[in-house]
Amino acid sequence: MTASNHEKVFKQLKVKPAILKKYKKHNSPKDRSCGINTKKCTRCGRRRAVLGQYGLNVCRQCFRENSKELGFIQYS
């Protein structure tokens, strides 16, 4: 029972409720309270390289696309 998404296996375990309950308990993704996965880019949804300074909460790629619109100036 290997699957990339933990919800794909639900179909196979529908007939076995006890095993399904145990599978959900141990294999569902955890809520994050700290670390990389707590912040998300407001534009594209990426979780890596998010700039939270000045309340932006955008990833570095989205920041590069919209920096002039946001009022930032590139000096060199």
N, C-alpha and C. Protein backbone atom coordinates (compact mmCIF):
# COMPACT_ATOMS: atom_id res chain seq x y z
N MET A 1 0.83 -1.20 0.00
CA MET A 1 0.00 0.00 0.00
C MET A 1 0.87 1.25 0.00
N THR A 2 1.62 1.43 -1.03
CA THR A 2 2.39 2.66 -1.11
C THR A 2 1.70 3.61 -2.06
N ALA A 3 1.59 4.86 -1.65
CA ALA A 3 0.95 5.88 -2.48
C ALA A 3 1.59 7.21 -2.18
N SER A 4 1.62 8.09 -3.17
CA SER A 4 2.21 9.40 -2.96
C SER A 4 1.31 10.28 -2.11
N ASN A 5 0.01 10.10 -2.23
CA ASN A 5 -0.95 10.87 -1.45
C ASN A 5 -1.60 9.94 -0.44
N HIS A 6 -1.65 10.34 0.81
CA HIS A 6 -2.17 9.44 1.84
C HIS A 6 -3.66 9.16 1.68
N GLU A 7 -4.39 9.97 0.91
CA GLU A 7 -5.84 9.76 0.76
C GLU A 7 -6.17 8.75 -0.34
N LYS A 8 -5.21 8.39 -1.20
CA LYS A 8 -5.47 7.43 -2.26
C LYS A 8 -5.75 6.04 -1.71
N VAL A 9 -5.21 5.73 -0.57
CA VAL A 9 -5.35 4.40 0.01
C VAL A 9 -6.72 4.21 0.65
N PHE A 10 -7.43 5.29 0.90
CA PHE A 10 -8.75 5.20 1.56
C PHE A 10 -9.69 4.27 0.79
N LYS A 11 -9.61 4.31 -0.54
CA LYS A 11 -10.48 3.48 -1.35
C LYS A 11 -10.23 2.00 -1.08
N GLN A 12 -8.96 1.64 -0.93
CA GLN A 12 -8.61 0.24 -0.70
C GLN A 12 -9.00 -0.23 0.69
N LEU A 13 -8.94 0.68 1.67
CA LEU A 13 -9.20 0.29 3.06
C LEU A 13 -10.64 0.54 3.50
N LYS A 14 -11.51 0.92 2.57
CA LYS A 14 -12.90 1.23 2.93
C LYS A 14 -13.60 0.04 3.59
N VAL A 15 -13.26 -1.16 3.16
CA VAL A 15 -13.93 -2.35 3.67
C VAL A 15 -13.36 -2.81 5.01
N LYS A 16 -12.24 -2.21 5.43
CA LYS A 16 -11.60 -2.59 6.70
C LYS A 16 -11.55 -1.36 7.61
N PRO A 17 -12.62 -1.06 8.34
CA PRO A 17 -12.68 0.19 9.11
C PRO A 17 -11.65 0.30 10.22
N ALA A 18 -11.29 -0.79 10.87
CA ALA A 18 -10.31 -0.71 11.96
C ALA A 18 -8.93 -0.34 11.41
N ILE A 19 -8.56 -0.94 10.29
CA ILE A 19 -7.26 -0.64 9.69
C ILE A 19 -7.26 0.78 9.13
N LEU A 20 -8.39 1.21 8.57
CA LEU A 20 -8.50 2.56 8.02
C LEU A 20 -8.32 3.61 9.12
N LYS A 21 -8.92 3.39 10.28
CA LYS A 21 -8.78 4.32 11.40
C LYS A 21 -7.33 4.43 11.85
N LYS A 22 -6.65 3.29 11.94
CA LYS A 22 -5.24 3.29 12.34
C LYS A 22 -4.37 3.95 11.27
N TYR A 23 -4.69 3.72 10.01
CA TYR A 23 -3.94 4.32 8.90
C TYR A 23 -4.06 5.84 8.93
N LYS A 24 -5.28 6.36 9.15
CA LYS A 24 -5.49 7.81 9.21
C LYS A 24 -4.73 8.42 10.37
N LYS A 25 -4.70 7.72 11.50
CA LYS A 25 -4.03 8.24 12.68
C LYS A 25 -2.53 8.42 12.45
N HIS A 26 -1.90 7.44 11.80
CA HIS A 26 -0.45 7.45 11.68
C HIS A 26 0.07 8.09 10.39
N ASN A 27 -0.76 8.22 9.35
CA ASN A 27 -0.25 8.66 8.06
C ASN A 27 -0.78 10.00 7.58
N SER A 28 -1.67 10.64 8.29
CA SER A 28 -2.15 11.94 7.85
C SER A 28 -1.09 13.00 8.16
N PRO A 29 -0.98 14.03 7.31
CA PRO A 29 0.05 15.06 7.56
C PRO A 29 -0.22 15.82 8.84
N LYS A 30 0.85 16.22 9.50
CA LYS A 30 0.71 16.91 10.79
C LYS A 30 0.59 18.42 10.59
N ASP A 31 -0.09 19.08 11.50
CA ASP A 31 -0.15 20.54 11.49
C ASP A 31 1.19 21.06 11.99
N ARG A 32 1.76 21.99 11.25
CA ARG A 32 3.07 22.52 11.60
C ARG A 32 2.93 23.75 12.49
N SER A 33 3.76 23.82 13.53
CA SER A 33 3.74 24.99 14.41
C SER A 33 5.00 25.83 14.26
N CYS A 34 6.04 25.25 13.65
CA CYS A 34 7.29 25.99 13.42
C CYS A 34 8.01 25.36 12.24
N GLY A 35 8.93 26.10 11.64
CA GLY A 35 9.72 25.59 10.54
C GLY A 35 9.32 26.17 9.20
N ILE A 36 9.84 25.57 8.14
CA ILE A 36 9.66 26.08 6.78
C ILE A 36 8.19 26.04 6.36
N ASN A 37 7.47 25.00 6.71
CA ASN A 37 6.12 24.80 6.18
C ASN A 37 5.03 25.59 6.88
N THR A 38 5.38 26.51 7.76
CA THR A 38 4.32 27.28 8.42
C THR A 38 3.84 28.43 7.57
N LYS A 39 4.75 29.07 6.80
CA LYS A 39 4.36 30.21 5.97
C LYS A 39 4.17 29.77 4.53
N LYS A 40 3.25 30.44 3.84
CA LYS A 40 2.97 30.13 2.46
C LYS A 40 2.94 31.42 1.66
N CYS A 41 3.37 31.40 0.43
CA CYS A 41 3.32 32.58 -0.44
C CYS A 41 1.86 32.92 -0.71
N THR A 42 1.51 34.19 -0.61
CA THR A 42 0.11 34.59 -0.81
C THR A 42 -0.29 34.56 -2.28
N ARG A 43 0.68 34.64 -3.18
CA ARG A 43 0.38 34.65 -4.62
C ARG A 43 0.32 33.26 -5.21
N CYS A 44 1.39 32.47 -5.02
CA CYS A 44 1.47 31.18 -5.72
C CYS A 44 1.32 29.97 -4.80
N GLY A 45 1.50 30.13 -3.49
CA GLY A 45 1.33 29.02 -2.57
C GLY A 45 2.59 28.24 -2.25
N ARG A 46 3.75 28.67 -2.74
CA ARG A 46 5.01 27.99 -2.40
C ARG A 46 5.28 28.11 -0.92
N ARG A 47 6.01 27.14 -0.38
CA ARG A 47 6.33 27.16 1.04
C ARG A 47 7.79 27.46 1.31
N ARG A 48 8.62 27.52 0.29
CA ARG A 48 10.05 27.73 0.50
C ARG A 48 10.44 29.13 0.08
N ALA A 49 11.40 29.72 0.78
CA ALA A 49 11.96 31.05 0.49
C ALA A 49 10.89 32.13 0.53
N VAL A 50 10.07 32.13 1.57
CA VAL A 50 9.02 33.13 1.72
C VAL A 50 9.58 34.33 2.47
N LEU A 51 9.39 35.53 1.92
CA LEU A 51 9.85 36.76 2.54
C LEU A 51 8.72 37.32 3.40
N GLY A 52 8.89 37.28 4.70
CA GLY A 52 7.86 37.75 5.60
C GLY A 52 8.09 39.17 6.08
N GLN A 53 9.23 39.74 5.67
CA GLN A 53 9.59 41.08 6.13
C GLN A 53 8.62 42.10 5.54
N TYR A 54 8.32 43.12 6.31
CA TYR A 54 7.37 44.18 5.95
C TYR A 54 5.96 43.64 5.71
N GLY A 55 5.67 42.45 6.18
CA GLY A 55 4.34 41.88 6.01
C GLY A 55 4.03 41.45 4.59
N LEU A 56 5.06 41.16 3.78
CA LEU A 56 4.85 40.80 2.37
C LEU A 56 4.28 39.39 2.21
N ASN A 57 4.94 38.41 2.83
CA ASN A 57 4.57 37.00 2.73
C ASN A 57 4.44 36.53 1.29
N VAL A 58 5.46 36.83 0.46
CA VAL A 58 5.55 36.33 -0.91
C VAL A 58 6.88 35.61 -1.06
N CYS A 59 6.95 34.65 -1.97
CA CYS A 59 8.20 33.93 -2.19
C CYS A 59 9.14 34.80 -3.01
N ARG A 60 10.40 34.38 -3.09
CA ARG A 60 11.39 35.22 -3.75
C ARG A 60 11.11 35.37 -5.24
N GLN A 61 10.52 34.35 -5.87
CA GLN A 61 10.21 34.44 -7.30
C GLN A 61 9.11 35.47 -7.55
N CYS A 62 8.06 35.45 -6.74
CA CYS A 62 6.97 36.42 -6.89
C CYS A 62 7.45 37.82 -6.53
N PHE A 63 8.36 37.91 -5.57
CA PHE A 63 8.90 39.21 -5.21
C PHE A 63 9.67 39.82 -6.37
N ARG A 64 10.47 39.02 -7.06
CA ARG A 64 11.23 39.53 -8.20
C ARG A 64 10.30 40.01 -9.31
N GLU A 65 9.19 39.32 -9.53
CA GLU A 65 8.24 39.72 -10.57
C GLU A 65 7.54 41.03 -10.23
N ASN A 66 7.23 41.26 -8.96
CA ASN A 66 6.39 42.40 -8.57
C ASN A 66 7.08 43.43 -7.71
N SER A 67 8.39 43.42 -7.65
CA SER A 67 9.08 44.33 -6.74
C SER A 67 8.86 45.80 -7.12
N LYS A 68 8.84 46.11 -8.40
CA LYS A 68 8.63 47.50 -8.81
C LYS A 68 7.22 47.97 -8.49
N GLU A 69 6.24 47.11 -8.64
CA GLU A 69 4.86 47.45 -8.31
C GLU A 69 4.69 47.68 -6.80
N LEU A 70 5.49 46.95 -6.02
CA LEU A 70 5.42 47.09 -4.57
C LEU A 70 6.18 48.32 -4.06
N GLY A 71 7.01 48.91 -4.94
CA GLY A 71 7.71 50.13 -4.56
C GLY A 71 9.17 49.93 -4.20
N PHE A 72 9.75 48.80 -4.48
CA PHE A 72 11.15 48.54 -4.20
C PHE A 72 11.98 48.92 -5.41
N ILE A 73 13.20 49.42 -5.17
CA ILE A 73 14.09 49.89 -6.22
C ILE A 73 15.36 49.06 -6.20
N GLN A 74 15.81 48.60 -7.39
CA GLN A 74 17.05 47.84 -7.49
C GLN A 74 18.18 48.83 -7.76
N TYR A 75 19.20 48.84 -6.92
CA TYR A 75 20.26 49.83 -7.00
C TYR A 75 21.43 49.41 -7.87
N SER A 76 21.69 48.13 -8.07
CA SER A 76 22.84 47.75 -8.88
C SER A 76 22.50 46.67 -9.87
